[in-house]
Amino acid sequence: MTRVAVIGAGSWGTAVSALVAQNADEVVLWSHGSEGAKAINETHRNPRYLTDVELPANITATSDLSAASKGADAVVLATPSTHLRTISHELADTVGEELPVVVLTKGVEAGSGLLMSEVVADELGNERRVLALSGPNHAEEVSHGMFSCAVLASPDRKLAERMRPLVATPTFRVYVSEDIRGVETCGAVKNVIAIACGVCAGLGLGDNTLAAIMTRGIAEIGRVVAATGGQPMTCMGLAGMGDLVATCTSEHSRNRRFGEAFVRGTTLEQFERQTHMVVEGAHSATSVRELAQARGVEVPIVEGVWNLIHGGLSIEEVASSLRGRVPNTEFYGMGNGPASK
């Protein structure tokens, strides 16, 4: 492609812009602040995120959203979930209805229960041209060329295959999927589970506990995926188990780090202010909980995280509630056995 717009100059947007720069003539990176854009243009480095990474020369930055997207052959959206609708709305005048849009943002919109691709389509139109990129990809590692894998999802397989060369590189292997609902649901729920793992790690609990939280977490993800029309098998892939393992275990994971900090008394507001990052799992805890309740799906770990952050319960109260549950069949609610409570 000749010109690609990457909207969002956070850590992941910055890392993906460097990937795309290997496959496009020109990449325009939109930064919310003019000072950040100016610094990127002058130094070829992001002054706030991935500061040790030198960006390719064919990346330019701007704080003008219309200028970033005008004339682009494709748009990549990497804004926080809480701002995605507003940004998409502002892009509507410059992004034509046939222009491919790749969504990097993970989450479920509070109130509407819409996945991020659906939020984008709601504002830009033509949901068939919207794709989602997901997987176990920490920006810190991808930006340094460490080997990684991802999945690019679209209901239109031919579109996914056509867009794959935009992000694929020798060290960033990209698979395609037609299950965009499953891929996006995995990406939203796994961030909540990662906070739970961070809490457990912060409490000094052992590997058995972390393995149990991750495994039962993937079961919760599978139930939500099945209830929303996705394919439970997607949970076993890169967007599901792959991303869950990376997010729940890595020092790079802001969701796990927040869980650890929460145990030490740090609030969500304090953590986001200190790191200049949005803890997507903390916000998704509300929207995923709403979605699960609307679909009649049991998500006890998500409920526990929500109760810790937003519901005012203590860690011991949440732990006691989880320990007191009567175990069901292992894969209930995923089409592999009775879904009774």
C-alpha atoms as a PDB file:
ATOM      1  CA  MET A   1       0.000   0.000   0.000  1.00  0.00           C
ATOM      2  CA  THR A   2       1.079   3.562  -0.607  1.00  0.00           C
ATOM      3  CA  ARG A   3      -0.252   5.387   2.464  1.00  0.00           C
ATOM      4  CA  VAL A   4      -1.538   3.960   5.737  1.00  0.00           C
ATOM      5  CA  ALA A   5      -2.909   5.895   8.704  1.00  0.00           C
ATOM      6  CA  VAL A   6      -2.317   4.528  12.205  1.00  0.00           C
ATOM      7  CA  ILE A   7      -4.621   6.277  14.651  1.00  0.00           C
ATOM      8  CA  GLY A   8      -3.206   6.232  18.171  1.00  0.00           C
ATOM      9  CA  ALA A   9       0.413   6.728  19.222  1.00  0.00           C
ATOM     10  CA  GLY A  10       0.389   4.639  22.377  1.00  0.00           C
ATOM     11  CA  SER A  11       2.754   1.711  22.773  1.00  0.00           C
ATOM     12  CA  TRP A  12       0.814  -0.696  20.532  1.00  0.00           C
ATOM     13  CA  GLY A  13      -0.009   1.909  17.902  1.00  0.00           C
ATOM     14  CA  THR A  14       3.657   2.887  17.793  1.00  0.00           C
ATOM     15  CA  ALA A  15       4.816  -0.728  17.485  1.00  0.00           C
ATOM     16  CA  VAL A  16       2.321  -1.542  14.728  1.00  0.00           C
ATOM     17  CA  SER A  17       3.197   1.614  12.815  1.00  0.00           C
ATOM     18  CA  ALA A  18       6.772   0.294  12.666  1.00  0.00           C
ATOM     19  CA  LEU A  19       5.461  -3.045  11.344  1.00  0.00           C
ATOM     20  CA  VAL A  20       3.300  -1.395   8.710  1.00  0.00           C
ATOM     21  CA  ALA A  21       6.196   0.869   7.684  1.00  0.00           C
ATOM     22  CA  GLN A  22       7.968  -2.233   6.379  1.00  0.00           C
ATOM     23  CA  ASN A  23       5.095  -2.893   3.973  1.00  0.00           C
ATOM     24  CA  ALA A  24       3.860   0.578   2.966  1.00  0.00           C
ATOM     25  CA  ASP A  25       5.488   3.555   1.302  1.00  0.00           C
ATOM     26  CA  GLU A  26       4.242   6.005   3.923  1.00  0.00           C
ATOM     27  CA  VAL A  27       2.757   5.669   7.410  1.00  0.00           C
ATOM     28  CA  VAL A  28       1.070   8.589   9.117  1.00  0.00           C
ATOM     29  CA  LEU A  29       0.845   8.149  12.895  1.00  0.00           C
ATOM     30  CA  TRP A  30      -1.810  10.203  14.630  1.00  0.00           C
ATOM     31  CA  SER A  31      -0.904  11.428  18.106  1.00  0.00           C
ATOM     32  CA  HIS A  32      -3.417  13.048  20.423  1.00  0.00           C
ATOM     33  CA  GLY A  33      -0.930  15.731  21.426  1.00  0.00           C
ATOM     34  CA  SER A  34       0.889  18.098  19.074  1.00  0.00           C
ATOM     35  CA  GLU A  35       4.057  17.990  21.184  1.00  0.00           C
ATOM     36  CA  GLY A  36       4.246  14.221  20.846  1.00  0.00           C
ATOM     37  CA  ALA A  37       3.786  14.435  17.082  1.00  0.00           C
ATOM     38  CA  LYS A  38       6.463  17.102  16.818  1.00  0.00           C
ATOM     39  CA  ALA A  39       8.937  15.013  18.821  1.00  0.00           C
ATOM     40  CA  ILE A  40       8.318  11.939  16.645  1.00  0.00           C
ATOM     41  CA  ASN A  41       8.964  13.951  13.489  1.00  0.00           C
ATOM     42  CA  GLU A  42      12.131  15.534  14.864  1.00  0.00           C
ATOM     43  CA  THR A  43      13.704  12.530  16.613  1.00  0.00           C
ATOM     44  CA  HIS A  44      12.013   9.486  15.039  1.00  0.00           C
ATOM     45  CA  ARG A  45      11.184   8.341  18.561  1.00  0.00           C
ATOM     46  CA  ASN A  46       7.972   8.420  20.582  1.00  0.00           C
ATOM     47  CA  PRO A  47       8.776  10.591  23.631  1.00  0.00           C
ATOM     48  CA  ARG A  48       6.332   8.747  25.920  1.00  0.00           C
ATOM     49  CA  TYR A  49       5.995   5.145  24.696  1.00  0.00           C
ATOM     50  CA  LEU A  50       8.709   2.721  23.535  1.00  0.00           C
ATOM     51  CA  THR A  51      11.200   5.531  23.918  1.00  0.00           C
ATOM     52  CA  ASP A  52      14.179   3.303  23.069  1.00  0.00           C
ATOM     53  CA  VAL A  53      12.795   2.373  19.634  1.00  0.00           C
ATOM     54  CA  GLU A  54      13.936   4.325  16.585  1.00  0.00           C
ATOM     55  CA  LEU A  55      11.041   4.566  14.151  1.00  0.00           C
ATOM     56  CA  PRO A  56      11.509   4.054  10.400  1.00  0.00           C
ATOM     57  CA  ALA A  57      12.075   7.148   8.308  1.00  0.00           C
ATOM     58  CA  ASN A  58       8.833   6.672   6.356  1.00  0.00           C
ATOM     59  CA  ILE A  59       6.738   7.293   9.483  1.00  0.00           C
ATOM     60  CA  THR A  60       5.515  10.830  10.037  1.00  0.00           C
ATOM     61  CA  ALA A  61       3.281  12.008  12.865  1.00  0.00           C
ATOM     62  CA  THR A  62       0.483  14.516  13.128  1.00  0.00           C
ATOM     63  CA  SER A  63      -2.072  15.623  15.695  1.00  0.00           C
ATOM     64  CA  ASP A  64      -4.554  16.496  12.933  1.00  0.00           C
ATOM     65  CA  LEU A  65      -6.941  13.551  12.624  1.00  0.00           C
ATOM     66  CA  SER A  66      -8.297  14.552   9.228  1.00  0.00           C
ATOM     67  CA  ALA A  67      -4.810  15.068   7.821  1.00  0.00           C
ATOM     68  CA  ALA A  68      -3.756  11.649   9.092  1.00  0.00           C
ATOM     69  CA  SER A  69      -6.580   9.736   7.429  1.00  0.00           C
ATOM     70  CA  LYS A  70      -7.125  11.755   4.257  1.00  0.00           C
ATOM     71  CA  GLY A  71      -5.890   9.903   1.198  1.00  0.00           C
ATOM     72  CA  ALA A  72      -5.025   6.734   3.122  1.00  0.00           C
ATOM     73  CA  ASP A  73      -5.277   3.294   1.506  1.00  0.00           C
ATOM     74  CA  ALA A  74      -6.094   1.750   4.889  1.00  0.00           C
ATOM     75  CA  VAL A  75      -6.672   2.876   8.466  1.00  0.00           C
ATOM     76  CA  VAL A  76      -5.405   1.137  11.595  1.00  0.00           C
ATOM     77  CA  LEU A  77      -7.180   2.075  14.835  1.00  0.00           C
ATOM     78  CA  ALA A  78      -5.166   1.790  18.061  1.00  0.00           C
ATOM     79  CA  THR A  79      -6.978   4.096  20.478  1.00  0.00           C
ATOM     80  CA  PRO A  80      -8.200   3.111  23.969  1.00  0.00           C
ATOM     81  CA  SER A  81     -11.630   1.487  23.992  1.00  0.00           C
ATOM     82  CA  THR A  82     -13.108   4.397  25.933  1.00  0.00           C
ATOM     83  CA  HIS A  83     -12.251   6.780  23.063  1.00  0.00           C
ATOM     84  CA  LEU A  84     -12.800   4.549  20.051  1.00  0.00           C
ATOM     85  CA  ARG A  85     -16.366   5.673  19.282  1.00  0.00           C
ATOM     86  CA  THR A  86     -15.490   9.371  19.467  1.00  0.00           C
ATOM     87  CA  ILE A  87     -12.426   8.954  17.257  1.00  0.00           C
ATOM     88  CA  SER A  88     -14.355   6.823  14.759  1.00  0.00           C
ATOM     89  CA  HIS A  89     -17.110   9.430  14.619  1.00  0.00           C
ATOM     90  CA  GLU A  90     -14.557  12.137  13.855  1.00  0.00           C
ATOM     91  CA  LEU A  91     -13.034   9.994  11.108  1.00  0.00           C
ATOM     92  CA  ALA A  92     -16.340   9.472   9.308  1.00  0.00           C
ATOM     93  CA  ASP A  93     -15.891  12.470   7.000  1.00  0.00           C
ATOM     94  CA  THR A  94     -12.495  11.340   5.659  1.00  0.00           C
ATOM     95  CA  VAL A  95     -12.754   7.525   5.697  1.00  0.00           C
ATOM     96  CA  GLY A  96     -14.762   6.215   2.762  1.00  0.00           C
ATOM     97  CA  GLU A  97     -17.139   3.280   3.144  1.00  0.00           C
ATOM     98  CA  GLU A  98     -14.910   0.885   1.184  1.00  0.00           C
ATOM     99  CA  LEU A  99     -11.623   1.732   2.911  1.00  0.00           C
ATOM    100  CA  PRO A 100     -10.288  -1.213   4.968  1.00  0.00           C
ATOM    101  CA  VAL A 101     -10.107  -0.515   8.706  1.00  0.00           C
ATOM    102  CA  VAL A 102      -8.013  -2.709  11.026  1.00  0.00           C
ATOM    103  CA  VAL A 103      -8.967  -2.477  14.693  1.00  0.00           C
ATOM    104  CA  LEU A 104      -6.289  -3.123  17.325  1.00  0.00           C
ATOM    105  CA  THR A 105      -8.395  -1.983  20.289  1.00  0.00           C
ATOM    106  CA  LYS A 106      -9.713  -4.692  22.614  1.00  0.00           C
ATOM    107  CA  GLY A 107     -12.855  -4.402  24.688  1.00  0.00           C
ATOM    108  CA  VAL A 108     -16.633  -4.342  24.884  1.00  0.00           C
ATOM    109  CA  GLU A 109     -18.422  -1.011  24.893  1.00  0.00           C
ATOM    110  CA  ALA A 110     -20.215  -0.332  28.166  1.00  0.00           C
ATOM    111  CA  GLY A 111     -23.962   0.083  27.805  1.00  0.00           C
ATOM    112  CA  SER A 112     -24.263  -1.154  24.216  1.00  0.00           C
ATOM    113  CA  GLY A 113     -22.369  -4.446  24.618  1.00  0.00           C
ATOM    114  CA  LEU A 114     -20.804  -3.888  21.198  1.00  0.00           C
ATOM    115  CA  LEU A 115     -17.392  -5.267  20.291  1.00  0.00           C
ATOM    116  CA  MET A 116     -14.814  -2.785  19.056  1.00  0.00           C
ATOM    117  CA  SER A 117     -15.266  -3.649  15.368  1.00  0.00           C
ATOM    118  CA  GLU A 118     -19.004  -3.102  15.821  1.00  0.00           C
ATOM    119  CA  VAL A 119     -18.410   0.293  17.424  1.00  0.00           C
ATOM    120  CA  VAL A 120     -16.252   1.283  14.455  1.00  0.00           C
ATOM    121  CA  ALA A 121     -18.799  -0.009  11.934  1.00  0.00           C
ATOM    122  CA  ASP A 122     -21.569   1.819  13.790  1.00  0.00           C
ATOM    123  CA  GLU A 123     -19.771   5.111  13.157  1.00  0.00           C
ATOM    124  CA  LEU A 124     -18.060   4.472   9.809  1.00  0.00           C
ATOM    125  CA  GLY A 125     -20.519   2.100   8.135  1.00  0.00           C
ATOM    126  CA  ASN A 126     -19.928  -1.089   6.121  1.00  0.00           C
ATOM    127  CA  GLU A 127     -19.023  -3.634   8.797  1.00  0.00           C
ATOM    128  CA  ARG A 128     -17.714  -6.022   6.131  1.00  0.00           C
ATOM    129  CA  ARG A 129     -14.558  -3.912   5.617  1.00  0.00           C
ATOM    130  CA  VAL A 130     -13.648  -3.835   9.339  1.00  0.00           C
ATOM    131  CA  LEU A 131     -11.007  -6.316  10.575  1.00  0.00           C
ATOM    132  CA  ALA A 132      -9.549  -7.092  14.008  1.00  0.00           C
ATOM    133  CA  LEU A 133      -5.906  -7.889  14.761  1.00  0.00           C
ATOM    134  CA  SER A 134      -5.253  -9.744  18.018  1.00  0.00           C
ATOM    135  CA  GLY A 135      -2.880 -12.170  19.693  1.00  0.00           C
ATOM    136  CA  PRO A 136      -0.113 -12.528  22.303  1.00  0.00           C
ATOM    137  CA  ASN A 137       1.772  -9.428  21.245  1.00  0.00           C
ATOM    138  CA  HIS A 138       3.457  -7.142  23.746  1.00  0.00           C
ATOM    139  CA  ALA A 139       4.474  -3.929  22.026  1.00  0.00           C
ATOM    140  CA  GLU A 140       7.812  -3.898  23.829  1.00  0.00           C
ATOM    141  CA  GLU A 141       8.833  -7.172  22.178  1.00  0.00           C
ATOM    142  CA  VAL A 142       7.259  -6.632  18.765  1.00  0.00           C
ATOM    143  CA  SER A 143       8.977  -3.250  18.436  1.00  0.00           C
ATOM    144  CA  HIS A 144      12.376  -4.923  18.902  1.00  0.00           C
ATOM    145  CA  GLY A 145      11.705  -7.534  16.230  1.00  0.00           C
ATOM    146  CA  MET A 146      11.203 -10.467  18.596  1.00  0.00           C
ATOM    147  CA  PHE A 147       9.287 -13.300  16.951  1.00  0.00           C
ATOM    148  CA  SER A 148       5.522 -13.062  17.471  1.00  0.00           C
ATOM    149  CA  CYS A 149       2.274 -14.412  16.029  1.00  0.00           C
ATOM    150  CA  ALA A 150      -1.127 -12.801  15.598  1.00  0.00           C
ATOM    151  CA  VAL A 151      -4.495 -13.470  14.005  1.00  0.00           C
ATOM    152  CA  LEU A 152      -6.263 -11.110  11.590  1.00  0.00           C
ATOM    153  CA  ALA A 153     -10.013 -11.679  11.676  1.00  0.00           C
ATOM    154  CA  SER A 154     -12.755 -10.736   9.254  1.00  0.00           C
ATOM    155  CA  PRO A 155     -16.031 -12.380   8.189  1.00  0.00           C
ATOM    156  CA  ASP A 156     -14.651 -11.942   4.668  1.00  0.00           C
ATOM    157  CA  ARG A 157     -11.732 -14.370   4.436  1.00  0.00           C
ATOM    158  CA  LYS A 158     -10.554 -12.899   1.139  1.00  0.00           C
ATOM    159  CA  LEU A 159     -10.326  -9.457   2.758  1.00  0.00           C
ATOM    160  CA  ALA A 160      -8.301 -10.864   5.654  1.00  0.00           C
ATOM    161  CA  GLU A 161      -5.921 -12.555   3.245  1.00  0.00           C
ATOM    162  CA  ARG A 162      -5.630  -9.380   1.176  1.00  0.00           C
ATOM    163  CA  MET A 163      -4.844  -7.278   4.244  1.00  0.00           C
ATOM    164  CA  ARG A 164      -2.457  -9.729   5.877  1.00  0.00           C
ATOM    165  CA  PRO A 165       0.597  -8.412   3.991  1.00  0.00           C
ATOM    166  CA  LEU A 166      -0.024  -5.005   5.561  1.00  0.00           C
ATOM    167  CA  VAL A 167       1.068  -6.202   9.012  1.00  0.00           C
ATOM    168  CA  ALA A 168       2.956  -9.432   8.386  1.00  0.00           C
ATOM    169  CA  THR A 169       6.767  -9.384   8.530  1.00  0.00           C
ATOM    170  CA  PRO A 170       9.425 -12.102   8.816  1.00  0.00           C
ATOM    171  CA  THR A 171       9.242 -11.800  12.619  1.00  0.00           C
ATOM    172  CA  PHE A 172       5.495 -11.076  12.910  1.00  0.00           C
ATOM    173  CA  ARG A 173       3.599 -14.117  11.624  1.00  0.00           C
ATOM    174  CA  VAL A 174      -0.079 -13.475  10.890  1.00  0.00           C
ATOM    175  CA  TYR A 175      -2.824 -16.074  10.548  1.00  0.00           C
ATOM    176  CA  VAL A 176      -6.361 -15.330   9.332  1.00  0.00           C
ATOM    177  CA  SER A 177      -9.743 -16.143  10.848  1.00  0.00           C
ATOM    178  CA  GLU A 178     -13.354 -15.597   9.865  1.00  0.00           C
ATOM    179  CA  ASP A 179     -14.469 -15.623  13.524  1.00  0.00           C
ATOM    180  CA  ILE A 180     -14.134 -11.925  14.277  1.00  0.00           C
ATOM    181  CA  ARG A 181     -16.655 -12.134  17.145  1.00  0.00           C
ATOM    182  CA  GLY A 182     -14.705 -14.908  18.828  1.00  0.00           C
ATOM    183  CA  VAL A 183     -11.354 -13.191  18.305  1.00  0.00           C
ATOM    184  CA  GLU A 184     -12.588  -9.876  19.713  1.00  0.00           C
ATOM    185  CA  THR A 185     -14.417 -11.436  22.644  1.00  0.00           C
ATOM    186  CA  CYS A 186     -11.270 -13.308  23.639  1.00  0.00           C
ATOM    187  CA  GLY A 187      -9.298 -10.082  23.521  1.00  0.00           C
ATOM    188  CA  ALA A 188     -11.759  -8.255  25.731  1.00  0.00           C
ATOM    189  CA  VAL A 189     -12.280 -10.852  28.463  1.00  0.00           C
ATOM    190  CA  LYS A 190      -8.642 -11.967  28.807  1.00  0.00           C
ATOM    191  CA  ASN A 191      -7.659  -8.522  30.101  1.00  0.00           C
ATOM    192  CA  VAL A 192     -10.035  -8.960  33.036  1.00  0.00           C
ATOM    193  CA  ILE A 193      -8.612 -12.397  33.829  1.00  0.00           C
ATOM    194  CA  ALA A 194      -5.098 -10.911  33.757  1.00  0.00           C
ATOM    195  CA  ILE A 195      -6.033  -8.499  36.544  1.00  0.00           C
ATOM    196  CA  ALA A 196      -7.170 -11.466  38.635  1.00  0.00           C
ATOM    197  CA  CYS A 197      -3.806 -13.150  38.005  1.00  0.00           C
ATOM    198  CA  GLY A 198      -2.026  -9.961  39.029  1.00  0.00           C
ATOM    199  CA  VAL A 199      -3.974  -9.882  42.274  1.00  0.00           C
ATOM    200  CA  CYS A 200      -3.030 -13.496  42.976  1.00  0.00           C
ATOM    201  CA  ALA A 201       0.628 -12.806  42.180  1.00  0.00           C
ATOM    202  CA  GLY A 202       0.576  -9.731  44.390  1.00  0.00           C
ATOM    203  CA  LEU A 203      -0.750 -11.842  47.246  1.00  0.00           C
ATOM    204  CA  GLY A 204       2.107 -14.311  46.774  1.00  0.00           C
ATOM    205  CA  LEU A 205      -0.112 -17.186  45.724  1.00  0.00           C
ATOM    206  CA  GLY A 206       1.555 -20.029  43.860  1.00  0.00           C
ATOM    207  CA  ASP A 207       1.694 -21.359  40.340  1.00  0.00           C
ATOM    208  CA  ASN A 208      -1.208 -23.735  40.983  1.00  0.00           C
ATOM    209  CA  THR A 209      -3.479 -20.791  41.721  1.00  0.00           C
ATOM    210  CA  LEU A 210      -2.372 -18.846  38.649  1.00  0.00           C
ATOM    211  CA  ALA A 211      -2.852 -21.902  36.429  1.00  0.00           C
ATOM    212  CA  ALA A 212      -6.329 -22.428  37.866  1.00  0.00           C
ATOM    213  CA  ILE A 213      -7.302 -18.782  37.286  1.00  0.00           C
ATOM    214  CA  MET A 214      -6.051 -18.852  33.688  1.00  0.00           C
ATOM    215  CA  THR A 215      -7.716 -22.167  32.885  1.00  0.00           C
ATOM    216  CA  ARG A 216     -11.035 -21.284  34.452  1.00  0.00           C
ATOM    217  CA  GLY A 217     -10.643 -17.887  32.821  1.00  0.00           C
ATOM    218  CA  ILE A 218     -10.469 -19.471  29.381  1.00  0.00           C
ATOM    219  CA  ALA A 219     -13.648 -21.361  30.275  1.00  0.00           C
ATOM    220  CA  GLU A 220     -15.377 -18.069  31.063  1.00  0.00           C
ATOM    221  CA  ILE A 221     -14.114 -16.623  27.796  1.00  0.00           C
ATOM    222  CA  GLY A 222     -15.437 -19.677  25.956  1.00  0.00           C
ATOM    223  CA  ARG A 223     -18.903 -19.301  27.469  1.00  0.00           C
ATOM    224  CA  VAL A 224     -19.090 -15.648  26.482  1.00  0.00           C
ATOM    225  CA  VAL A 225     -17.793 -16.422  22.983  1.00  0.00           C
ATOM    226  CA  ALA A 226     -20.419 -19.146  22.534  1.00  0.00           C
ATOM    227  CA  ALA A 227     -23.184 -16.893  23.841  1.00  0.00           C
ATOM    228  CA  THR A 228     -22.276 -14.091  21.443  1.00  0.00           C
ATOM    229  CA  GLY A 229     -22.166 -16.273  18.342  1.00  0.00           C
ATOM    230  CA  GLY A 230     -18.425 -16.900  18.163  1.00  0.00           C
ATOM    231  CA  GLN A 231     -16.655 -20.243  17.879  1.00  0.00           C
ATOM    232  CA  PRO A 232     -15.378 -21.704  21.191  1.00  0.00           C
ATOM    233  CA  MET A 233     -12.439 -23.280  19.320  1.00  0.00           C
ATOM    234  CA  THR A 234     -11.132 -19.738  18.774  1.00  0.00           C
ATOM    235  CA  CYS A 235     -10.402 -19.669  22.512  1.00  0.00           C
ATOM    236  CA  MET A 236      -7.713 -22.299  21.972  1.00  0.00           C
ATOM    237  CA  GLY A 237      -5.866 -20.127  19.469  1.00  0.00           C
ATOM    238  CA  LEU A 238      -3.677 -17.033  19.433  1.00  0.00           C
ATOM    239  CA  ALA A 239      -6.440 -14.581  20.346  1.00  0.00           C
ATOM    240  CA  GLY A 240      -7.599 -16.805  23.203  1.00  0.00           C
ATOM    241  CA  MET A 241      -5.155 -18.994  25.099  1.00  0.00           C
ATOM    242  CA  GLY A 242      -2.142 -17.392  23.447  1.00  0.00           C
ATOM    243  CA  ASP A 243      -3.049 -13.847  24.432  1.00  0.00           C
ATOM    244  CA  LEU A 244      -4.314 -14.968  27.837  1.00  0.00           C
ATOM    245  CA  VAL A 245      -1.005 -16.621  28.752  1.00  0.00           C
ATOM    246  CA  ALA A 246       1.019 -13.607  27.629  1.00  0.00           C
ATOM    247  CA  THR A 247      -1.216 -11.096  29.403  1.00  0.00           C
ATOM    248  CA  CYS A 248      -1.478 -13.077  32.628  1.00  0.00           C
ATOM    249  CA  THR A 249       2.224 -13.852  33.012  1.00  0.00           C
ATOM    250  CA  SER A 250       4.281 -11.067  31.468  1.00  0.00           C
ATOM    251  CA  GLU A 251       5.942  -8.131  33.191  1.00  0.00           C
ATOM    252  CA  HIS A 252       4.871  -6.064  30.173  1.00  0.00           C
ATOM    253  CA  SER A 253       1.163  -6.617  30.874  1.00  0.00           C
ATOM    254  CA  ARG A 254      -0.406  -3.462  32.283  1.00  0.00           C
ATOM    255  CA  ASN A 255      -3.452  -5.485  33.388  1.00  0.00           C
ATOM    256  CA  ARG A 256      -1.406  -7.929  35.455  1.00  0.00           C
ATOM    257  CA  ARG A 257       0.754  -5.099  36.811  1.00  0.00           C
ATOM    258  CA  PHE A 258      -2.356  -3.228  37.867  1.00  0.00           C
ATOM    259  CA  GLY A 259      -3.606  -6.301  39.741  1.00  0.00           C
ATOM    260  CA  GLU A 260      -0.301  -6.484  41.610  1.00  0.00           C
ATOM    261  CA  ALA A 261      -0.390  -2.748  42.354  1.00  0.00           C
ATOM    262  CA  PHE A 262      -4.023  -2.956  43.496  1.00  0.00           C
ATOM    263  CA  VAL A 263      -3.016  -5.391  46.226  1.00  0.00           C
ATOM    264  CA  ARG A 264      -0.498  -2.795  47.438  1.00  0.00           C
ATOM    265  CA  GLY A 265      -3.213  -0.164  47.678  1.00  0.00           C
ATOM    266  CA  THR A 266      -2.897   1.602  44.310  1.00  0.00           C
ATOM    267  CA  THR A 267      -6.204   2.722  42.832  1.00  0.00           C
ATOM    268  CA  LEU A 268      -7.110   2.444  39.152  1.00  0.00           C
ATOM    269  CA  GLU A 269      -6.925   6.219  38.745  1.00  0.00           C
ATOM    270  CA  GLN A 270      -3.489   6.383  40.361  1.00  0.00           C
ATOM    271  CA  PHE A 271      -2.130   3.534  38.241  1.00  0.00           C
ATOM    272  CA  GLU A 272      -3.357   5.003  34.945  1.00  0.00           C
ATOM    273  CA  ARG A 273      -1.995   8.409  35.875  1.00  0.00           C
ATOM    274  CA  GLN A 274       1.410   6.989  36.810  1.00  0.00           C
ATOM    275  CA  THR A 275       1.776   4.787  33.692  1.00  0.00           C
ATOM    276  CA  HIS A 276       0.001   7.045  31.153  1.00  0.00           C
ATOM    277  CA  MET A 277      -1.821   3.882  30.050  1.00  0.00           C
ATOM    278  CA  VAL A 278      -5.429   2.736  30.100  1.00  0.00           C
ATOM    279  CA  VAL A 279      -6.001  -0.511  32.024  1.00  0.00           C
ATOM    280  CA  GLU A 280      -8.427  -1.995  29.516  1.00  0.00           C
ATOM    281  CA  GLY A 281      -9.330  -4.926  31.772  1.00  0.00           C
ATOM    282  CA  ALA A 282     -10.593  -2.631  34.505  1.00  0.00           C
ATOM    283  CA  HIS A 283     -13.011  -0.988  32.086  1.00  0.00           C
ATOM    284  CA  SER A 284     -13.892  -4.244  30.354  1.00  0.00           C
ATOM    285  CA  ALA A 285     -14.825  -5.749  33.719  1.00  0.00           C
ATOM    286  CA  THR A 286     -17.923  -3.555  33.661  1.00  0.00           C
ATOM    287  CA  SER A 287     -18.888  -4.055  30.024  1.00  0.00           C
ATOM    288  CA  VAL A 288     -18.148  -7.806  29.951  1.00  0.00           C
ATOM    289  CA  ARG A 289     -20.120  -8.261  33.168  1.00  0.00           C
ATOM    290  CA  GLU A 290     -23.067  -6.412  31.604  1.00  0.00           C
ATOM    291  CA  LEU A 291     -22.826  -8.505  28.456  1.00  0.00           C
ATOM    292  CA  ALA A 292     -22.646 -11.772  30.404  1.00  0.00           C
ATOM    293  CA  GLN A 293     -25.642 -10.834  32.532  1.00  0.00           C
ATOM    294  CA  ALA A 294     -27.657  -9.928  29.439  1.00  0.00           C
ATOM    295  CA  ARG A 295     -26.821 -13.302  27.849  1.00  0.00           C
ATOM    296  CA  GLY A 296     -27.254 -15.345  31.036  1.00  0.00           C
ATOM    297  CA  VAL A 297     -23.611 -16.429  31.161  1.00  0.00           C
ATOM    298  CA  GLU A 298     -21.748 -17.199  34.379  1.00  0.00           C
ATOM    299  CA  VAL A 299     -18.439 -15.313  34.674  1.00  0.00           C
ATOM    300  CA  PRO A 300     -17.398 -15.595  38.354  1.00  0.00           C
ATOM    301  CA  ILE A 301     -13.812 -14.378  37.852  1.00  0.00           C
ATOM    302  CA  VAL A 302     -15.013 -11.344  35.898  1.00  0.00           C
ATOM    303  CA  GLU A 303     -17.576 -10.728  38.650  1.00  0.00           C
ATOM    304  CA  GLY A 304     -14.824 -10.971  41.244  1.00  0.00           C
ATOM    305  CA  VAL A 305     -12.608  -8.447  39.473  1.00  0.00           C
ATOM    306  CA  TRP A 306     -15.541  -6.073  39.049  1.00  0.00           C
ATOM    307  CA  ASN A 307     -16.404  -6.368  42.727  1.00  0.00           C
ATOM    308  CA  LEU A 308     -12.805  -5.601  43.712  1.00  0.00           C
ATOM    309  CA  ILE A 309     -12.412  -2.528  41.512  1.00  0.00           C
ATOM    310  CA  HIS A 310     -15.921  -1.138  41.290  1.00  0.00           C
ATOM    311  CA  GLY A 311     -18.106  -3.015  43.768  1.00  0.00           C
ATOM    312  CA  GLY A 312     -16.335  -2.230  47.028  1.00  0.00           C
ATOM    313  CA  LEU A 313     -15.753  -5.827  48.153  1.00  0.00           C
ATOM    314  CA  SER A 314     -12.538  -6.870  49.870  1.00  0.00           C
ATOM    315  CA  ILE A 315     -10.103  -9.395  48.447  1.00  0.00           C
ATOM    316  CA  GLU A 316     -11.091 -11.896  51.112  1.00  0.00           C
ATOM    317  CA  GLU A 317     -14.800 -11.474  50.344  1.00  0.00           C
ATOM    318  CA  VAL A 318     -14.199 -12.084  46.646  1.00  0.00           C
ATOM    319  CA  ALA A 319     -11.900 -15.054  47.327  1.00  0.00           C
ATOM    320  CA  SER A 320     -14.444 -16.580  49.694  1.00  0.00           C
ATOM    321  CA  SER A 321     -17.175 -16.215  47.077  1.00  0.00           C
ATOM    322  CA  LEU A 322     -15.067 -17.978  44.437  1.00  0.00           C
ATOM    323  CA  ARG A 323     -13.989 -20.769  46.792  1.00  0.00           C
ATOM    324  CA  GLY A 324     -17.573 -21.354  47.843  1.00  0.00           C
ATOM    325  CA  ARG A 325     -18.857 -22.110  44.342  1.00  0.00           C
ATOM    326  CA  VAL A 326     -19.895 -25.700  43.638  1.00  0.00           C
ATOM    327  CA  PRO A 327     -17.882 -27.000  40.641  1.00  0.00           C
ATOM    328  CA  ASN A 328     -19.847 -27.760  37.506  1.00  0.00           C
ATOM    329  CA  THR A 329     -18.820 -29.873  34.524  1.00  0.00           C
ATOM    330  CA  GLU A 330     -15.573 -28.427  33.214  1.00  0.00           C
ATOM    331  CA  PHE A 331     -16.748 -27.074  29.878  1.00  0.00           C
ATOM    332  CA  TYR A 332     -20.367 -26.194  30.623  1.00  0.00           C
ATOM    333  CA  GLY A 333     -21.898 -23.460  28.510  1.00  0.00           C
ATOM    334  CA  MET A 334     -19.568 -24.122  25.580  1.00  0.00           C
ATOM    335  CA  GLY A 335     -21.622 -26.746  23.756  1.00  0.00           C
ATOM    336  CA  ASN A 336     -19.806 -29.626  25.450  1.00  0.00           C
ATOM    337  CA  GLY A 337     -22.156 -30.568  28.226  1.00  0.00           C
ATOM    338  CA  PRO A 338     -25.004 -29.349  30.422  1.00  0.00           C
ATOM    339  CA  ALA A 339     -25.033 -25.601  31.042  1.00  0.00           C
ATOM    340  CA  SER A 340     -26.946 -25.888  34.309  1.00  0.00           C
ATOM    341  CA  LYS A 341     -25.814 -23.865  37.282  1.00  0.00           C
END
